Amino acid sequence: MILNVILIFSISCLWVQFDSSQLSTKQKVKDFEFLCQILEDNYPYLDMGRQQTNKDWASKKGEYFEKIKATPNDSTYLIALASILNDIGGGHLNMIPTFNHELYVNTYKEGAIKKPIYNKWVEILENPHERSVYWSKFYMRPNNKVASEHSIQPNYRDSLLIEDKIGIMRINSFLFSNAKQDSIQMTPFLKTIQNFDYLVIDIQGNGGGSDNYWRNYIVGRLTQNPISYPKYQIVKGGALNRSLYPKVFENFEIAKKDSRLPNLPEELIENGYMNMSKSNDTIVTNNPITFKGKIFLLVDEGVFSASEGLAYFCKASKWATIAGVRTGGDGACAEPAVFMLPESGILLAYPAVAGLNHDGNLNYKERTVPDIQIDGKNSNERLDNLIKYIREKY
């Protein structure tokens, strides 16, 4: 995924209002009606909510409309929308394309060079609207609080426990903009640990970025042969989904519980509108080193999106033993879809293709359970406890 990153920002923050005629209540309602229709036709999690919040769309929809109608100006309208999106699902359901418009356009243009399908994203993002620039200039000041214990650290760090023959990599983000510099630092480390017995890849607190980061610079470097693993996904049959993800619909079936996926949620089966596909994903080698030791992937609840994709891969392929606590989920999906609200020109993103764990559970909801439970008060303590576990167990 190209831009599957969690951006943490505050709803109760400073907004700068620019001179422009304010949206009318009628326009806001039309916007929200359009948003509801898009989500109902295309968004896979609407009737389920996130396990942590347990929100119910049907019972909340009327409340959301009243919240929208009560907004006195554009600033409060934008705040209300952000709050509603977070209430429904958060994570990949957001207005980030509005506030990072240039980044989104440039990223998808670059991605379209190798995958022309991304030109459809570019068309949506560049669709002219008189207010699109207006919204992009709204200023949102993040909380000054540190978002995670890793945030003041370099993105990539490594260390060696020579006597134990344990190598440790700590990666805070899979943003592909970090990949080139990080890979330069990784190379001497990987060469050093070729004869080590153990490697710990610590991705605690890693909120995601690009799957290409870990595919190319972690797994690709540490395997001698291509690795294939099964990937199950579900998607609603809405028009926008069919336009942006045509390949997903080339080989699909109506979601149903069977011996392959015994824990497929009842909501999917009862509604009958979910399409399910199975594919074999393959990770190829990339200037590999010879490492025959045991690999541990250390995770926590902050592992989300692209980093969850790595946990999903490890669970499916047994490439590494997953240690730590249950992850944050929403991996094994696809690039978030984008669309524009017709009255305001606000751009939104949503996760269209949802990943299923290999027992049928939604990865978004159940996340990834580690193979080895390693607890701790913080990431450093969990890492220390994993090292103790390796020393005692092996």
Protein backbone atom coordinates (compact mmCIF):
# COMPACT_ATOMS: atom_id res chain seq x y z
CA MET A 1 0.00 0.00 0.00
CA ILE A 2 1.23 3.45 -0.85
CA LEU A 3 -0.28 5.73 1.76
CA ASN A 4 -1.67 3.47 4.43
CA VAL A 5 -0.47 5.59 7.34
CA ILE A 6 -2.21 6.75 10.50
CA LEU A 7 -1.91 10.50 10.91
CA ILE A 8 -2.73 11.56 14.45
CA PHE A 9 -4.35 14.96 14.71
CA SER A 10 -6.54 16.79 17.17
CA ILE A 11 -10.19 17.63 16.59
CA SER A 12 -10.13 20.30 19.28
CA CYS A 13 -7.51 22.46 17.64
CA LEU A 14 -6.95 25.78 15.91
CA TRP A 15 -8.81 26.27 12.64
CA VAL A 16 -8.18 29.20 10.33
CA GLN A 17 -11.27 30.37 8.42
CA PHE A 18 -10.63 31.80 4.95
CA ASP A 19 -12.89 34.26 3.17
CA SER A 20 -15.50 32.36 1.21
CA SER A 21 -19.24 31.96 1.21
CA GLN A 22 -20.24 29.44 3.83
CA LEU A 23 -21.94 26.18 2.91
CA SER A 24 -25.67 26.20 3.51
CA THR A 25 -27.37 23.61 5.68
CA LYS A 26 -28.94 22.18 2.52
CA GLN A 27 -25.50 21.74 0.94
CA LYS A 28 -24.13 20.06 4.05
CA VAL A 29 -27.06 17.64 4.14
CA LYS A 30 -26.55 16.79 0.44
CA ASP A 31 -22.88 16.21 1.12
CA PHE A 32 -23.65 13.90 4.00
CA GLU A 33 -26.34 12.02 2.07
CA PHE A 34 -23.73 11.38 -0.63
CA LEU A 35 -21.20 10.26 1.99
CA CYS A 36 -23.73 7.86 3.53
CA GLN A 37 -24.53 6.34 0.14
CA ILE A 38 -20.86 5.84 -0.69
CA LEU A 39 -20.22 4.15 2.63
CA GLU A 40 -23.35 1.99 2.51
CA ASP A 41 -22.47 0.74 -0.98
CA ASN A 42 -18.71 0.41 -0.59
CA TYR A 43 -17.39 0.52 2.99
CA PRO A 44 -16.95 -3.01 4.41
CA TYR A 45 -17.11 -2.20 8.13
CA LEU A 46 -20.19 0.00 8.35
CA ASP A 47 -22.49 -2.51 10.03
CA MET A 48 -19.83 -3.91 12.30
CA GLY A 49 -17.95 -1.00 13.74
CA ARG A 50 -14.56 -1.42 15.32
CA GLN A 51 -14.45 -3.99 18.08
CA GLN A 52 -13.04 -1.42 20.46
CA THR A 53 -15.85 1.13 19.96
CA ASN A 54 -18.79 -1.14 19.05
CA LYS A 55 -20.60 1.63 17.18
CA ASP A 56 -23.82 0.79 15.32
CA TRP A 57 -24.42 2.68 12.07
CA ALA A 58 -28.18 2.23 11.88
CA SER A 59 -28.79 3.67 15.33
CA LYS A 60 -26.32 6.53 14.92
CA LYS A 61 -27.15 7.75 11.39
CA GLY A 62 -29.98 10.09 12.45
CA GLU A 63 -27.82 11.52 15.21
CA TYR A 64 -25.04 12.24 12.69
CA PHE A 65 -27.44 14.13 10.40
CA GLU A 66 -28.54 16.33 13.29
CA LYS A 67 -24.92 16.97 14.19
CA ILE A 68 -24.22 18.12 10.63
CA LYS A 69 -27.30 20.36 10.51
CA ALA A 70 -26.31 22.05 13.77
CA THR A 71 -22.94 23.30 12.49
CA PRO A 72 -23.00 27.11 12.13
CA ASN A 73 -20.08 27.47 9.70
CA ASP A 74 -17.56 25.60 7.55
CA SER A 75 -15.05 25.18 10.35
CA THR A 76 -17.48 23.41 12.65
CA TYR A 77 -18.81 21.40 9.70
CA LEU A 78 -15.32 20.08 9.01
CA ILE A 79 -14.81 19.28 12.69
CA ALA A 80 -18.15 17.46 12.81
CA LEU A 81 -17.28 15.40 9.73
CA ALA A 82 -13.92 14.43 11.18
CA SER A 83 -15.58 13.42 14.45
CA ILE A 84 -18.19 11.30 12.67
CA LEU A 85 -15.60 9.52 10.52
CA ASN A 86 -13.57 8.73 13.61
CA ASP A 87 -16.71 7.48 15.36
CA ILE A 88 -17.61 5.18 12.45
CA GLY A 89 -14.22 3.65 11.99
CA GLY A 90 -11.22 5.96 12.15
CA GLY A 91 -7.88 4.75 10.84
CA HIS A 92 -8.16 4.52 7.06
CA LEU A 93 -11.54 6.30 7.04
CA ASN A 94 -10.49 9.95 7.08
CA MET A 95 -10.11 13.33 5.36
CA ILE A 96 -6.34 13.09 4.99
CA PRO A 97 -6.50 13.51 1.17
CA THR A 98 -7.97 16.97 1.75
CA PHE A 99 -5.17 18.16 4.01
CA ASN A 100 -2.37 16.33 2.20
CA HIS A 101 -3.71 16.79 -1.31
CA GLU A 102 -0.40 17.44 -3.09
CA LEU A 103 1.25 14.46 -1.40
CA TYR A 104 -1.60 12.17 -2.42
CA VAL A 105 -1.61 13.36 -6.04
CA ASN A 106 2.16 13.05 -6.44
CA THR A 107 2.28 9.66 -4.75
CA TYR A 108 -0.42 8.15 -6.94
CA LYS A 109 1.07 9.68 -10.07
CA GLU A 110 4.34 7.99 -9.21
CA GLY A 111 2.53 4.74 -8.43
CA ALA A 112 0.68 4.90 -11.76
CA ILE A 113 3.97 4.55 -13.65
CA LYS A 114 4.10 0.89 -12.62
CA LYS A 115 0.39 0.37 -11.91
CA PRO A 116 -1.77 2.36 -14.37
CA ILE A 117 -4.87 1.59 -12.30
CA TYR A 118 -3.73 4.36 -9.93
CA ASN A 119 -4.57 6.90 -12.64
CA LYS A 120 -8.16 6.51 -11.46
CA TRP A 121 -7.11 7.79 -8.03
CA VAL A 122 -5.34 10.71 -9.71
CA GLU A 123 -8.47 11.58 -11.71
CA ILE A 124 -10.56 11.74 -8.54
CA LEU A 125 -7.96 13.76 -6.64
CA GLU A 126 -7.50 16.22 -9.49
CA ASN A 127 -11.20 16.60 -10.21
CA PRO A 128 -11.62 20.39 -10.25
CA HIS A 129 -13.86 21.90 -7.60
CA GLU A 130 -13.97 25.58 -6.69
CA ARG A 131 -13.68 24.85 -2.97
CA SER A 132 -11.06 22.07 -2.99
CA VAL A 133 -8.14 24.48 -2.49
CA TYR A 134 -10.16 26.33 0.13
CA TRP A 135 -10.48 23.21 2.28
CA SER A 136 -6.86 22.23 1.84
CA LYS A 137 -5.81 25.52 3.44
CA PHE A 138 -7.68 24.91 6.65
CA TYR A 139 -5.03 24.67 9.32
CA MET A 140 -5.05 22.00 11.95
CA ARG A 141 -2.54 22.13 14.78
CA PRO A 142 -1.66 18.72 16.25
CA ASN A 143 -1.50 18.11 19.95
CA ASN A 144 1.93 18.84 21.34
CA LYS A 145 1.84 15.59 23.25
CA VAL A 146 4.17 12.91 21.99
CA ALA A 147 2.09 10.46 19.93
CA SER A 148 4.21 7.46 20.84
CA GLU A 149 7.26 6.56 22.79
CA HIS A 150 9.11 6.10 19.49
CA SER A 151 8.32 9.51 18.03
CA ILE A 152 11.52 11.27 19.08
CA GLN A 153 13.71 8.35 18.02
CA PRO A 154 15.31 7.75 14.60
CA ASN A 155 13.09 5.67 12.35
CA TYR A 156 15.54 2.78 12.21
CA ARG A 157 17.86 1.48 14.92
CA ASP A 158 19.73 -1.76 15.42
CA SER A 159 21.81 -3.41 18.12
CA LEU A 160 23.76 -6.62 18.71
CA LEU A 161 23.87 -8.98 21.65
CA ILE A 162 27.12 -10.62 20.66
CA GLU A 163 27.30 -13.29 23.36
CA ASP A 164 23.72 -14.40 22.74
CA LYS A 165 24.11 -14.09 18.95
CA ILE A 166 20.92 -12.01 18.82
CA GLY A 167 20.45 -9.14 16.38
CA ILE A 168 17.75 -6.51 17.01
CA MET A 169 16.13 -4.18 14.46
CA ARG A 170 13.70 -1.49 15.62
CA ILE A 171 11.59 0.23 12.95
CA ASN A 172 9.15 2.96 13.92
CA SER A 173 7.44 3.49 10.56
CA PHE A 174 7.19 1.88 7.15
CA LEU A 175 6.88 5.19 5.34
CA PHE A 176 8.53 4.56 2.00
CA SER A 177 10.18 7.97 2.16
CA ASN A 178 12.36 6.49 4.92
CA ALA A 179 13.18 3.30 3.05
CA LYS A 180 16.23 4.40 1.08
CA GLN A 181 18.07 5.87 4.06
CA ASP A 182 17.03 3.04 6.35
CA SER A 183 18.18 0.40 3.88
CA ILE A 184 21.64 1.97 3.78
CA GLN A 185 21.84 1.56 7.57
CA MET A 186 20.42 -1.97 7.46
CA THR A 187 22.99 -3.38 5.05
CA PRO A 188 26.04 -3.54 7.35
CA PHE A 189 23.85 -4.82 10.19
CA LEU A 190 22.41 -7.63 8.05
CA LYS A 191 25.87 -8.64 6.91
CA THR A 192 27.03 -8.74 10.53
CA ILE A 193 24.25 -11.06 11.72
CA GLN A 194 24.57 -13.64 8.93
CA ASN A 195 25.91 -16.21 11.40
CA PHE A 196 23.73 -15.18 14.33
CA ASP A 197 21.16 -17.54 15.80
CA TYR A 198 18.33 -15.06 16.31
CA LEU A 199 16.92 -11.87 14.83
CA VAL A 200 14.29 -9.73 16.57
CA ILE A 201 12.39 -7.31 14.31
CA ASP A 202 10.75 -4.86 16.70
CA ILE A 203 7.85 -2.98 15.06
CA GLN A 204 6.01 -1.97 18.24
CA GLY A 205 4.17 1.30 17.72
CA ASN A 206 4.68 1.14 13.94
CA GLY A 207 1.52 2.72 12.51
CA GLY A 208 2.18 1.68 8.93
CA GLY A 209 3.31 3.29 5.71
CA SER A 210 4.02 1.16 2.66
CA ASP A 211 3.99 -2.62 2.30
CA ASN A 212 6.82 -2.18 -0.18
CA TYR A 213 9.11 -1.14 2.68
CA TRP A 214 8.98 -4.46 4.51
CA ARG A 215 8.56 -6.56 1.36
CA ASN A 216 11.72 -5.16 -0.26
CA TYR A 217 14.00 -4.22 2.61
CA ILE A 218 13.16 -6.73 5.33
CA VAL A 219 11.63 -9.95 4.01
CA GLY A 220 13.23 -9.62 0.58
CA ARG A 221 16.69 -9.24 2.13
CA LEU A 222 16.27 -12.12 4.58
CA THR A 223 15.01 -14.87 2.27
CA GLN A 224 16.87 -16.85 -0.37
CA ASN A 225 13.81 -17.84 -2.38
CA PRO A 226 10.44 -16.24 -3.23
CA ILE A 227 7.75 -16.82 -0.60
CA SER A 228 4.09 -17.25 -1.53
CA TYR A 229 1.23 -17.09 0.95
CA PRO A 230 -2.58 -17.05 0.67
CA LYS A 231 -4.47 -13.82 1.10
CA TYR A 232 -8.24 -13.66 1.63
CA GLN A 233 -10.07 -10.39 1.05
CA ILE A 234 -13.64 -9.14 1.00
CA VAL A 235 -15.17 -6.17 -0.77
CA LYS A 236 -18.64 -4.74 -1.26
CA GLY A 237 -19.95 -4.64 -4.81
CA GLY A 238 -20.47 -0.85 -4.97
CA ALA A 239 -19.81 1.06 -8.19
CA LEU A 240 -16.82 2.97 -6.80
CA ASN A 241 -15.18 -0.24 -5.58
CA ARG A 242 -15.73 -1.90 -8.94
CA SER A 243 -14.16 1.06 -10.69
CA LEU A 244 -11.06 1.29 -8.48
CA TYR A 245 -10.46 -2.43 -7.86
CA PRO A 246 -11.50 -4.31 -11.02
CA LYS A 247 -9.02 -7.17 -10.44
CA VAL A 248 -10.58 -8.01 -7.08
CA PHE A 249 -13.84 -8.73 -8.91
CA GLU A 250 -12.27 -10.95 -11.56
CA ASN A 251 -12.21 -14.00 -9.31
CA PHE A 252 -14.66 -13.74 -6.43
CA GLU A 253 -17.55 -15.46 -4.76
CA ILE A 254 -20.30 -14.41 -2.37
CA ALA A 255 -18.91 -14.63 1.15
CA LYS A 256 -19.94 -17.82 2.93
CA LYS A 257 -18.68 -19.88 5.85
CA ASP A 258 -16.90 -23.09 4.91
CA SER A 259 -14.01 -25.29 6.02
CA ARG A 260 -11.49 -22.76 4.69
CA LEU A 261 -12.81 -19.87 6.77
CA PRO A 262 -14.80 -21.29 9.71
CA ASN A 263 -14.93 -18.00 11.64
CA LEU A 264 -16.28 -15.78 8.88
CA PRO A 265 -18.49 -13.19 10.67
CA GLU A 266 -22.23 -13.83 10.56
CA GLU A 267 -22.80 -10.22 9.50
CA LEU A 268 -21.15 -10.93 6.17
CA ILE A 269 -23.07 -14.11 5.53
CA GLU A 270 -26.44 -12.65 6.53
CA ASN A 271 -26.09 -9.54 4.40
CA GLY A 272 -24.92 -11.52 1.39
CA TYR A 273 -23.46 -8.50 -0.37
CA MET A 274 -19.81 -9.16 0.38
CA ASN A 275 -17.63 -10.55 -2.37
CA MET A 276 -14.70 -12.69 -1.29
CA SER A 277 -11.54 -13.42 -3.21
CA LYS A 278 -8.48 -15.56 -2.58
CA SER A 279 -5.10 -14.87 -4.10
CA ASN A 280 -1.55 -16.05 -3.62
CA ASP A 281 0.77 -13.16 -2.89
CA THR A 282 4.48 -13.65 -3.55
CA ILE A 283 7.40 -11.80 -2.02
CA VAL A 284 10.55 -11.93 -4.12
CA THR A 285 14.15 -11.72 -3.00
CA ASN A 286 15.98 -8.41 -3.04
CA ASN A 287 19.78 -8.63 -2.76
CA PRO A 288 19.41 -11.27 -0.03
CA ILE A 289 21.87 -12.16 2.70
CA THR A 290 22.37 -15.67 4.04
CA PHE A 291 20.61 -15.84 7.39
CA LYS A 292 19.49 -19.22 8.73
CA GLY A 293 18.63 -18.20 12.29
CA LYS A 294 15.21 -17.90 13.92
CA ILE A 295 13.29 -14.66 13.34
CA PHE A 296 10.93 -13.04 15.86
CA LEU A 297 8.53 -10.21 15.00
CA LEU A 298 7.77 -8.14 18.11
CA VAL A 299 4.37 -6.41 17.96
CA ASP A 300 1.92 -4.44 20.09
CA GLU A 301 -1.44 -2.69 19.75
CA GLY A 302 0.21 0.16 17.81
CA VAL A 303 0.95 -2.11 14.84
CA PHE A 304 -1.54 -1.04 12.15
CA SER A 305 -2.07 -0.97 8.38
CA ALA A 306 1.16 -1.75 6.48
CA SER A 307 2.95 -2.99 9.60
CA GLU A 308 -0.07 -5.19 10.29
CA GLY A 309 0.47 -6.46 6.75
CA LEU A 310 3.85 -7.77 7.86
CA ALA A 311 2.27 -9.49 10.89
CA TYR A 312 -0.38 -10.99 8.60
CA PHE A 313 2.33 -12.29 6.26
CA CYS A 314 4.28 -13.83 9.15
CA LYS A 315 1.15 -15.53 10.48
CA ALA A 316 0.25 -16.96 7.08
CA SER A 317 3.71 -18.02 5.96
CA LYS A 318 5.34 -18.87 9.32
CA TRP A 319 8.32 -16.82 8.11
CA ALA A 320 8.76 -15.41 11.62
CA THR A 321 7.41 -16.15 15.08
CA ILE A 322 5.14 -13.33 16.24
CA ALA A 323 5.75 -12.20 19.82
CA GLY A 324 4.19 -9.49 21.98
CA VAL A 325 0.54 -8.52 22.36
CA ARG A 326 -2.42 -8.37 19.97
CA THR A 327 -1.88 -5.88 17.14
CA GLY A 328 -3.97 -2.91 15.97
CA GLY A 329 -5.15 -4.64 12.77
CA ASP A 330 -6.45 -3.43 9.40
CA GLY A 331 -3.73 -5.06 7.34
CA ALA A 332 -3.86 -7.37 4.31
CA CYS A 333 -6.13 -4.83 2.66
CA ALA A 334 -5.63 -2.63 -0.41
CA GLU A 335 -4.92 1.00 -1.12
CA PRO A 336 -7.69 3.15 0.43
CA ALA A 337 -10.25 4.44 -2.04
CA VAL A 338 -10.76 8.17 -2.45
CA PHE A 339 -13.81 10.25 -3.37
CA MET A 340 -15.00 13.87 -3.29
CA LEU A 341 -18.12 15.22 -1.60
CA PRO A 342 -20.12 17.00 -4.34
CA GLU A 343 -21.20 20.19 -2.56
CA SER A 344 -18.10 21.02 -0.54
CA GLY A 345 -15.29 19.45 -2.60
CA ILE A 346 -13.90 17.76 0.53
CA LEU A 347 -11.80 14.69 -0.33
CA LEU A 348 -12.09 11.53 1.77
CA ALA A 349 -10.46 8.12 1.94
CA TYR A 350 -11.90 4.80 3.07
CA PRO A 351 -10.67 1.19 3.18
CA ALA A 352 -12.57 -0.65 0.45
CA VAL A 353 -10.87 -4.05 0.37
CA ALA A 354 -10.74 -5.72 3.78
CA GLY A 355 -8.40 -8.52 4.76
CA LEU A 356 -9.55 -11.75 6.39
CA ASN A 357 -7.39 -13.67 8.82
CA HIS A 358 -6.83 -17.26 7.81
CA ASP A 359 -9.59 -18.53 10.09
CA GLY A 360 -12.13 -16.15 8.48
CA ASN A 361 -12.14 -13.42 11.10
CA LEU A 362 -11.88 -9.83 9.91
CA ASN A 363 -8.32 -8.63 10.42
CA TYR A 364 -9.75 -5.15 11.08
CA LYS A 365 -11.74 -6.49 14.01
CA GLU A 366 -9.78 -9.43 15.42
CA ARG A 367 -6.31 -8.17 14.44
CA THR A 368 -3.34 -10.54 14.86
CA VAL A 369 -2.84 -12.65 17.96
CA PRO A 370 0.87 -13.31 18.64
CA ASP A 371 2.29 -16.83 18.63
CA ILE A 372 4.03 -16.02 21.92
CA GLN A 373 2.47 -13.65 24.46
CA ILE A 374 5.13 -11.24 25.71
CA ASP A 375 3.85 -8.62 28.12
CA GLY A 376 5.44 -5.48 29.51
CA LYS A 377 4.63 -2.00 30.76
CA ASN A 378 6.09 -0.46 27.60
CA SER A 379 7.90 -1.41 24.41
CA ASN A 380 11.33 -1.52 26.02
CA GLU A 381 10.15 -3.86 28.75
CA ARG A 382 8.47 -6.14 26.21
CA LEU A 383 11.70 -6.26 24.21
CA ASP A 384 13.67 -7.12 27.36
CA ASN A 385 11.17 -9.83 28.21
CA LEU A 386 11.42 -11.31 24.74
CA ILE A 387 15.23 -11.44 25.04
CA LYS A 388 14.82 -13.23 28.39
CA TYR A 389 12.37 -15.65 26.77
CA ILE A 390 14.86 -16.46 23.98
CA ARG A 391 17.67 -17.02 26.45
CA GLU A 392 15.56 -19.32 28.63
CA LYS A 393 13.75 -21.18 25.85
CA TYR A 394 16.59 -21.74 23.45
